[in-house]
C-alpha cells in the first residue's frame, strides 16, 4: 500500500459517516426524488403552489439552510493574513475568476452546442467558485488550512461582487461576438443579481453575524469544537432535501433523456480534471510549497454547486434544464474530487517529498 493511499485512508477515517459517503447520499436523494415524483404525481403542483416568484418556498428554505452552516464556518477574522501571500492570492484570483469561467464556457459550448438550457446551467456552475466542499478536499490532501480559509472567505465576498456581471458577460456578451444567441431564456442581469443576493447574501450575513457573535460570547474553542460540529452537518440535510424536491420535479425528464444527463456529466469531469492540472502546474512553476499548491488546485477545481443551484432555480425555475444541469454538478464533483485527493497525495510523494541522503 502506498504512502499516499495510507495518508488518505487515515484522514478519511476521521470524517463523519455523512461526509464519507456524500456521493451515496446524493445518489439516494436523486432516486428518492424521482420515485416521489412518480408515486405522488400531485407533488409538483404542491411545490409550484408554495412559491415566491419562480422559487418554491420549500426549496428556498433548503437552499438558504445548506449555505448558512458552511458560511458560518469560514474564518472571516483571518482575512488580514492575505497581506502575507499577495502573489499566491493573485494566482488564485486569476484561476478562479478568469481561467475557470473561460474553461467552463468553452467546454459547455464544445460539448453542448445543441442544448442551450444545459449549456447555460454549466456556465452558471463554472461561475460559482467553491466556498464549501473545498475545505474538505483541502484537508484530505494535506493542504494549507489557514490559507484555504482565507480563500474561502474572499471567494464568498467576490461572488457577491463578481457573479452577476460575469454571468451577464458569458451568457450575453461573449456569444454575441460570434453571432450566436447565448441562451434561449430571456433573463436580466437583475434576475441573477437578485438570486445571488438572496441565496448567498442572506446566509453570508447570517454566517458572519453568527461567527462573530458567538466567538465573542463563547470563544473560539467552543465555537470550533462544540458548535460547528453540530451545525455543520445540517448543511448536508439542506442539500439533500433540495435534491429530493428538484428530482421529484425533474424525474420524468431524467428517465426520458438519460443521454442528456450523460452529456452534461462529461464536460464537468473534464473541467474538474483540467482545472486541477492547470492549477497544480502553475503553482509548481511559481515554486509554491505543496501545501499551498494543493490549496490553490482544489479551490480552483471545485465549484459552489449550492449557489449554482440557487441561481438556476431563482432565475429559470425549478423545472428548467438549467436547474437540472446544476444538480448534476455535485453528483459528479464529489467522486471526482475525492479521486483528485489521491492524485494530489501522489504528486506530493513523487515531486515534493524531501530527498533523504544515504
Protein backbone atom coordinates (compact mmCIF):
# COMPACT_ATOMS: atom_id res chain seq x y z
CA UNK A 1 0.00 0.00 0.00
CA UNK A 2 1.45 3.40 -0.99
CA UNK A 3 2.14 6.23 1.42
CA UNK A 4 -0.37 8.45 -0.40
CA UNK A 5 -3.07 5.80 -0.09
CA UNK A 6 -2.32 5.32 3.61
CA UNK A 7 -2.42 9.08 4.28
CA UNK A 8 -5.78 9.43 2.57
CA UNK A 9 -7.32 6.48 4.42
CA UNK A 10 -6.16 7.92 7.74
CA UNK A 11 -7.75 11.28 7.04
CA UNK A 12 -10.96 9.85 5.56
CA UNK A 13 -11.40 7.73 8.67
CA UNK A 14 -11.66 10.95 10.68
CA UNK A 15 -14.66 12.17 8.67
CA UNK A 16 -18.20 11.63 9.83
CA UNK A 17 -20.29 8.94 8.16
CA UNK A 18 -22.33 11.68 6.46
CA UNK A 19 -19.24 13.26 4.85
CA UNK A 20 -17.54 9.97 3.99
CA UNK A 21 -20.48 8.69 1.96
CA UNK A 22 -21.60 12.00 0.47
CA UNK A 23 -21.76 10.69 -3.14
CA UNK A 24 -24.01 7.85 -1.96
CA UNK A 25 -26.38 10.20 -0.10
CA UNK A 26 -26.66 12.45 -3.15
CA UNK A 27 -27.36 9.46 -5.39
CA UNK A 28 -30.00 8.10 -2.99
CA UNK A 29 -31.61 11.55 -2.72
CA UNK A 30 -31.90 11.65 -6.51
CA UNK A 31 -33.52 8.20 -6.58
CA UNK A 32 -35.89 9.15 -3.76
CA UNK A 33 -36.87 12.33 -5.58
CA UNK A 34 -37.56 10.50 -8.84
CA UNK A 35 -39.58 7.86 -7.02
CA UNK A 36 -41.54 10.50 -5.11
CA UNK A 37 -42.40 12.29 -8.34
CA UNK A 38 -43.88 9.11 -9.81
CA UNK A 39 -45.57 7.89 -6.61
CA UNK A 40 -47.18 11.25 -5.82
CA UNK A 41 -47.98 12.98 -9.16
CA UNK A 42 -49.62 15.91 -7.39
CA UNK A 43 -46.43 16.83 -5.57
CA UNK A 44 -45.32 19.02 -8.46
CA UNK A 45 -48.46 21.11 -8.11
CA UNK A 46 -47.87 21.44 -4.36
CA UNK A 47 -44.29 22.67 -4.81
CA UNK A 48 -45.36 25.09 -7.55
CA UNK A 49 -48.15 26.47 -5.35
CA UNK A 50 -45.85 27.04 -2.37
CA UNK A 51 -43.66 29.52 -4.17
CA UNK A 52 -42.37 33.07 -4.07
CA UNK A 53 -41.99 34.26 -7.63
CA UNK A 54 -40.19 31.49 -9.53
CA UNK A 55 -38.76 29.86 -6.40
CA UNK A 56 -40.52 27.11 -4.45
CA UNK A 57 -40.70 28.11 -0.78
CA UNK A 58 -39.53 24.68 0.47
CA UNK A 59 -36.62 24.86 -1.96
CA UNK A 60 -35.75 28.40 -0.86
CA UNK A 61 -35.60 27.26 2.77
CA UNK A 62 -33.42 24.28 1.84
CA UNK A 63 -31.03 26.40 -0.23
CA UNK A 64 -30.63 29.06 2.44
CA UNK A 65 -30.02 26.47 5.14
CA UNK A 66 -27.41 24.47 3.23
CA UNK A 67 -25.44 27.69 2.61
CA UNK A 68 -25.66 29.05 6.16
CA UNK A 69 -23.64 26.42 8.12
CA UNK A 70 -20.87 26.49 5.52
CA UNK A 71 -20.58 30.26 5.67
CA UNK A 72 -20.73 30.25 9.48
CA UNK A 73 -17.61 28.07 9.45
CA UNK A 74 -15.47 30.49 7.42
CA UNK A 75 -12.75 32.27 9.43
CA UNK A 76 -13.50 35.82 8.34
CA UNK A 77 -11.22 37.18 11.04
CA UNK A 78 -8.23 35.79 9.11
CA UNK A 79 -8.75 37.94 6.02
CA UNK A 80 -5.99 40.28 7.21
CA UNK A 81 -3.44 37.48 6.75
CA UNK A 82 -3.74 37.75 2.99
CA UNK A 83 -1.17 40.55 3.06
CA UNK A 84 1.50 37.89 3.58
CA UNK A 85 0.53 35.93 0.46
CA UNK A 86 -0.12 38.54 -2.20
CA UNK A 87 1.45 36.53 -5.03
CA UNK A 88 -0.47 33.39 -4.09
CA UNK A 89 -3.71 35.31 -3.86
CA UNK A 90 -3.08 36.82 -7.29
CA UNK A 91 -2.70 33.33 -8.75
CA UNK A 92 -5.88 32.15 -7.02
CA UNK A 93 -7.80 35.19 -8.23
CA UNK A 94 -6.69 34.53 -11.81
CA UNK A 95 -7.54 30.82 -11.63
CA UNK A 96 -10.95 31.32 -10.05
CA UNK A 97 -12.29 34.38 -11.80
CA UNK A 98 -10.55 34.32 -15.19
CA UNK A 99 -9.30 30.88 -16.21
CA UNK A 100 -12.05 28.78 -14.57
CA UNK A 101 -15.04 30.56 -16.14
CA UNK A 102 -13.34 30.60 -19.54
CA UNK A 103 -12.65 26.85 -19.47
CA UNK A 104 -16.21 26.02 -18.40
CA UNK A 105 -17.64 28.34 -21.07
CA UNK A 106 -15.57 26.66 -23.79
CA UNK A 107 -16.43 23.14 -22.60
CA UNK A 108 -20.13 23.99 -22.37
CA UNK A 109 -20.21 25.16 -25.98
CA UNK A 110 -18.00 22.32 -27.27
CA UNK A 111 -19.98 19.52 -25.60
CA UNK A 112 -23.48 21.03 -25.63
CA UNK A 113 -23.83 23.20 -28.76
CA UNK A 114 -27.39 21.96 -29.35
CA UNK A 115 -28.63 22.06 -25.73
CA UNK A 116 -28.76 25.73 -24.67
CA UNK A 117 -30.53 25.08 -21.36
CA UNK A 118 -27.97 22.58 -20.10
CA UNK A 119 -25.18 24.70 -21.55
CA UNK A 120 -26.34 27.74 -19.59
CA UNK A 121 -26.53 25.58 -16.45
CA UNK A 122 -22.89 24.56 -16.89
CA UNK A 123 -21.80 28.17 -17.39
CA UNK A 124 -23.67 29.16 -14.23
CA UNK A 125 -21.88 26.36 -12.38
CA UNK A 126 -18.49 27.45 -13.70
CA UNK A 127 -19.01 30.96 -12.34
CA UNK A 128 -19.81 29.73 -8.82
CA UNK A 129 -16.41 29.40 -7.19
CA UNK A 130 -16.14 26.89 -4.36
CA UNK A 131 -16.62 28.10 -0.79
CA UNK A 132 -17.77 24.88 0.86
CA UNK A 133 -16.54 21.39 0.00
CA UNK A 134 -13.06 22.68 -0.85
CA UNK A 135 -12.38 22.79 2.90
CA UNK A 136 -12.85 19.00 2.99
CA UNK A 137 -10.81 18.27 -0.16
CA UNK A 138 -8.00 20.52 1.09
CA UNK A 139 -7.96 18.79 4.48
CA UNK A 140 -7.83 15.32 2.90
CA UNK A 141 -4.95 16.34 0.62
CA UNK A 142 -2.95 17.97 3.44
CA UNK A 143 -3.19 21.49 2.04
CA UNK A 144 -2.72 24.75 3.92
CA UNK A 145 -5.88 25.02 6.05
CA UNK A 146 -5.31 28.62 7.11
CA UNK A 147 -4.74 29.84 3.56
CA UNK A 148 -7.73 27.82 2.39
CA UNK A 149 -9.92 29.55 4.98
CA UNK A 150 -8.75 32.93 3.70
CA UNK A 151 -9.52 31.98 0.09
CA UNK A 152 -12.96 30.71 1.07
CA UNK A 153 -13.72 33.97 2.86
CA UNK A 154 -12.50 36.07 -0.06
CA UNK A 155 -14.38 33.99 -2.63
CA UNK A 156 -17.54 34.49 -0.57
CA UNK A 157 -17.13 38.24 -0.90
CA UNK A 158 -16.03 38.15 -4.54
CA UNK A 159 -19.08 36.12 -5.55
CA UNK A 160 -21.39 38.87 -4.31
CA UNK A 161 -19.47 41.39 -6.43
CA UNK A 162 -18.42 39.39 -9.50
CA UNK A 163 -21.02 36.68 -10.11
CA UNK A 164 -23.75 38.78 -11.71
CA UNK A 165 -21.50 40.81 -14.07
CA UNK A 166 -19.67 37.67 -15.18
CA UNK A 167 -22.93 35.78 -15.75
CA UNK A 168 -24.19 38.61 -17.93
CA UNK A 169 -20.85 38.70 -19.76
CA UNK A 170 -20.69 34.96 -20.52
CA UNK A 171 -24.41 34.45 -21.21
CA UNK A 172 -24.93 37.51 -23.43
CA UNK A 173 -21.83 39.45 -24.43
CA UNK A 174 -19.40 36.69 -25.43
CA UNK A 175 -21.91 34.68 -27.55
CA UNK A 176 -22.84 37.85 -29.42
CA UNK A 177 -19.23 38.21 -30.58
CA UNK A 178 -19.74 35.03 -32.61
CA UNK A 179 -23.20 35.95 -33.81
CA UNK A 180 -24.83 33.34 -31.56
CA UNK A 181 -27.67 33.77 -29.09
CA UNK A 182 -26.26 32.87 -25.70
CA UNK A 183 -29.40 31.43 -24.12
CA UNK A 184 -32.94 30.62 -25.20
CA UNK A 185 -34.33 32.08 -21.95
CA UNK A 186 -34.81 35.82 -21.56
CA UNK A 187 -33.16 36.85 -18.30
CA UNK A 188 -31.87 40.14 -16.97
CA UNK A 189 -28.77 40.96 -15.01
CA UNK A 190 -31.05 41.86 -12.09
CA UNK A 191 -32.61 38.37 -12.12
CA UNK A 192 -29.20 36.83 -11.49
CA UNK A 193 -28.12 39.55 -9.05
CA UNK A 194 -31.31 39.05 -7.04
CA UNK A 195 -30.72 35.31 -6.74
CA UNK A 196 -27.10 35.85 -5.69
CA UNK A 197 -28.01 38.49 -3.11
CA UNK A 198 -30.77 36.34 -1.62
CA UNK A 199 -29.16 32.91 -1.66
CA UNK A 200 -25.58 34.00 -0.95
CA UNK A 201 -26.05 37.41 0.67
CA UNK A 202 -28.54 36.31 3.33
CA UNK A 203 -26.63 33.22 4.54
CA UNK A 204 -23.34 35.13 4.25
CA UNK A 205 -24.64 37.87 6.53
CA UNK A 206 -26.10 35.26 8.90
CA UNK A 207 -22.83 33.33 8.91
CA UNK A 208 -20.75 36.42 9.71
CA UNK A 209 -23.16 37.51 12.44
CA UNK A 210 -23.23 34.03 13.97
CA UNK A 211 -19.47 33.62 13.95
CA UNK A 212 -18.50 36.96 15.44
CA UNK A 213 -21.33 36.97 17.99
CA UNK A 214 -20.55 33.50 19.32
CA UNK A 215 -16.78 33.93 19.14
CA UNK A 216 -17.16 36.96 21.38
CA UNK A 217 -19.55 35.34 23.85
CA UNK A 218 -18.33 31.71 23.86
CA UNK A 219 -14.79 31.76 22.50
CA UNK A 220 -13.08 30.14 19.50
CA UNK A 221 -12.52 26.77 21.16
CA UNK A 222 -16.21 26.29 21.94
CA UNK A 223 -17.25 27.57 18.51
CA UNK A 224 -14.93 25.28 16.53
CA UNK A 225 -15.06 22.21 18.78
CA UNK A 226 -18.66 22.25 20.01
CA UNK A 227 -20.92 24.47 17.92
CA UNK A 228 -19.72 23.85 14.34
CA UNK A 229 -19.60 20.03 14.63
CA UNK A 230 -23.32 20.22 15.43
CA UNK A 231 -24.30 22.93 12.96
CA UNK A 232 -22.07 21.91 10.04
CA UNK A 233 -23.66 18.54 9.17
CA UNK A 234 -27.10 20.15 8.85
CA UNK A 235 -25.93 21.79 5.60
CA UNK A 236 -25.98 18.34 4.01
CA UNK A 237 -29.58 17.89 5.11
CA UNK A 238 -30.48 21.12 3.31
CA UNK A 239 -28.65 19.96 0.18
CA UNK A 240 -30.25 16.50 0.16
CA UNK A 241 -33.71 17.99 0.78
CA UNK A 242 -33.20 20.35 -2.16
CA UNK A 243 -32.10 17.50 -4.42
CA UNK A 244 -35.08 15.33 -3.43
CA UNK A 245 -37.53 18.11 -4.27
CA UNK A 246 -35.78 19.03 -7.52
CA UNK A 247 -35.66 15.45 -8.75
CA UNK A 248 -39.28 14.89 -7.81
CA UNK A 249 -39.96 17.71 -10.30
CA UNK A 250 -37.45 16.53 -12.91
CA UNK A 251 -37.58 12.72 -12.61
CA UNK A 252 -39.61 12.15 -15.74
CA UNK A 253 -37.15 14.21 -17.79
CA UNK A 254 -34.14 12.36 -16.38
CA UNK A 255 -35.57 8.94 -17.21
CA UNK A 256 -36.76 10.10 -20.61
CA UNK A 257 -33.41 11.68 -21.58
CA UNK A 258 -30.55 9.81 -19.85
CA UNK A 259 -28.21 10.67 -22.72
CA UNK A 260 -28.63 14.37 -21.97
CA UNK A 261 -27.60 13.76 -18.36
CA UNK A 262 -24.51 11.88 -19.55
CA UNK A 263 -23.65 14.70 -21.92
CA UNK A 264 -23.80 17.21 -19.05
CA UNK A 265 -21.64 14.97 -16.84
CA UNK A 266 -18.82 14.60 -19.38
CA UNK A 267 -17.76 18.28 -19.62
CA UNK A 268 -17.95 18.51 -15.83
CA UNK A 269 -15.47 15.65 -15.46
CA UNK A 270 -13.15 17.25 -18.00
CA UNK A 271 -13.47 20.64 -16.27
CA UNK A 272 -12.52 19.36 -12.80
CA UNK A 273 -9.52 17.46 -14.16
CA UNK A 274 -8.25 20.31 -16.37
CA UNK A 275 -8.59 22.94 -13.65
CA UNK A 276 -6.76 20.73 -11.16
CA UNK A 277 -3.86 20.01 -13.51
CA UNK A 278 -3.55 23.61 -14.72
CA UNK A 279 -3.63 24.94 -11.16
CA UNK A 280 -1.03 22.49 -9.89
CA UNK A 281 1.21 23.22 -12.89
CA UNK A 282 1.04 26.99 -12.33
CA UNK A 283 1.64 26.63 -8.59
CA UNK A 284 4.62 24.35 -9.19
CA UNK A 285 6.07 26.75 -11.76
CA UNK A 286 5.68 29.55 -9.20
CA UNK A 287 7.61 27.36 -6.71
CA UNK A 288 4.81 27.27 -4.14
CA UNK A 289 5.02 24.69 -1.38
CA UNK A 290 2.98 21.51 -1.75
CA UNK A 291 0.52 22.72 0.89
CA UNK A 292 -0.04 25.99 -0.97
CA UNK A 293 -0.20 24.28 -4.39
CA UNK A 294 -2.78 21.76 -3.17
CA UNK A 295 -4.96 24.53 -1.71
CA UNK A 296 -4.76 26.53 -4.95
CA UNK A 297 -5.66 23.49 -7.04
CA UNK A 298 -8.65 22.28 -5.05
CA UNK A 299 -10.01 25.81 -4.70
CA UNK A 300 -9.79 26.32 -8.46
CA UNK A 301 -11.09 22.86 -9.42
CA UNK A 302 -14.13 22.93 -7.12
CA UNK A 303 -17.41 24.76 -7.59
CA UNK A 304 -20.04 26.16 -5.26
CA UNK A 305 -22.87 23.95 -6.50
CA UNK A 306 -25.14 25.26 -3.74
CA UNK A 307 -25.01 28.75 -5.22
CA UNK A 308 -25.31 27.45 -8.79
CA UNK A 309 -28.44 25.50 -7.85
CA UNK A 310 -29.89 28.55 -6.11
CA UNK A 311 -29.24 30.87 -9.06
CA UNK A 312 -30.61 28.37 -11.59
CA UNK A 313 -33.81 27.84 -9.60
CA UNK A 314 -34.28 31.52 -8.84
CA UNK A 315 -33.67 32.60 -12.42
CA UNK A 316 -35.01 29.76 -14.58
CA UNK A 317 -37.45 27.91 -12.21
CA UNK A 318 -37.02 24.51 -10.60
CA UNK A 319 -38.28 22.53 -13.64
CA UNK A 320 -35.71 24.01 -16.06
CA UNK A 321 -32.83 22.31 -17.85
CA UNK A 322 -30.55 24.92 -16.29
CA UNK A 323 -31.53 23.76 -12.79
CA UNK A 324 -31.08 20.10 -13.68
CA UNK A 325 -27.58 20.78 -15.04
CA UNK A 326 -26.55 22.41 -11.77
CA UNK A 327 -27.90 19.46 -9.73
CA UNK A 328 -25.78 17.03 -11.76
CA UNK A 329 -22.76 19.08 -10.61
CA UNK A 330 -22.39 17.74 -7.04
CA UNK A 331 -23.07 14.17 -8.13
CA UNK A 332 -20.04 14.39 -10.45
CA UNK A 333 -17.85 16.70 -8.39
CA UNK A 334 -17.78 14.68 -5.18
CA UNK A 335 -16.34 11.39 -6.53
CA UNK A 336 -14.03 13.19 -8.99
CA UNK A 337 -12.55 15.46 -6.32
CA UNK A 338 -12.09 12.53 -3.95
CA UNK A 339 -10.13 10.85 -6.74
CA UNK A 340 -8.04 14.01 -7.17
CA UNK A 341 -7.14 13.87 -3.48
CA UNK A 342 -5.28 10.64 -4.23
CA UNK A 343 -3.65 12.31 -7.23
CA UNK A 344 -2.52 15.24 -5.07
CA UNK A 345 -1.00 12.92 -2.46
CA UNK A 346 0.79 11.02 -5.21
CA UNK A 347 2.17 14.31 -6.55
CA UNK A 348 3.34 15.19 -3.05
CA UNK A 349 5.12 11.85 -2.67
CA UNK A 350 6.62 11.96 -6.16
CA UNK A 351 7.63 15.60 -6.57
CA UNK A 352 7.58 17.27 -3.14
CA UNK A 353 8.95 14.59 -0.78
CA UNK A 354 12.26 15.61 0.81
CA UNK A 355 15.33 13.85 -0.53
CA UNK A 356 16.96 11.65 2.09
CA UNK A 357 20.67 11.15 1.70
CA UNK A 358 22.03 7.65 2.32
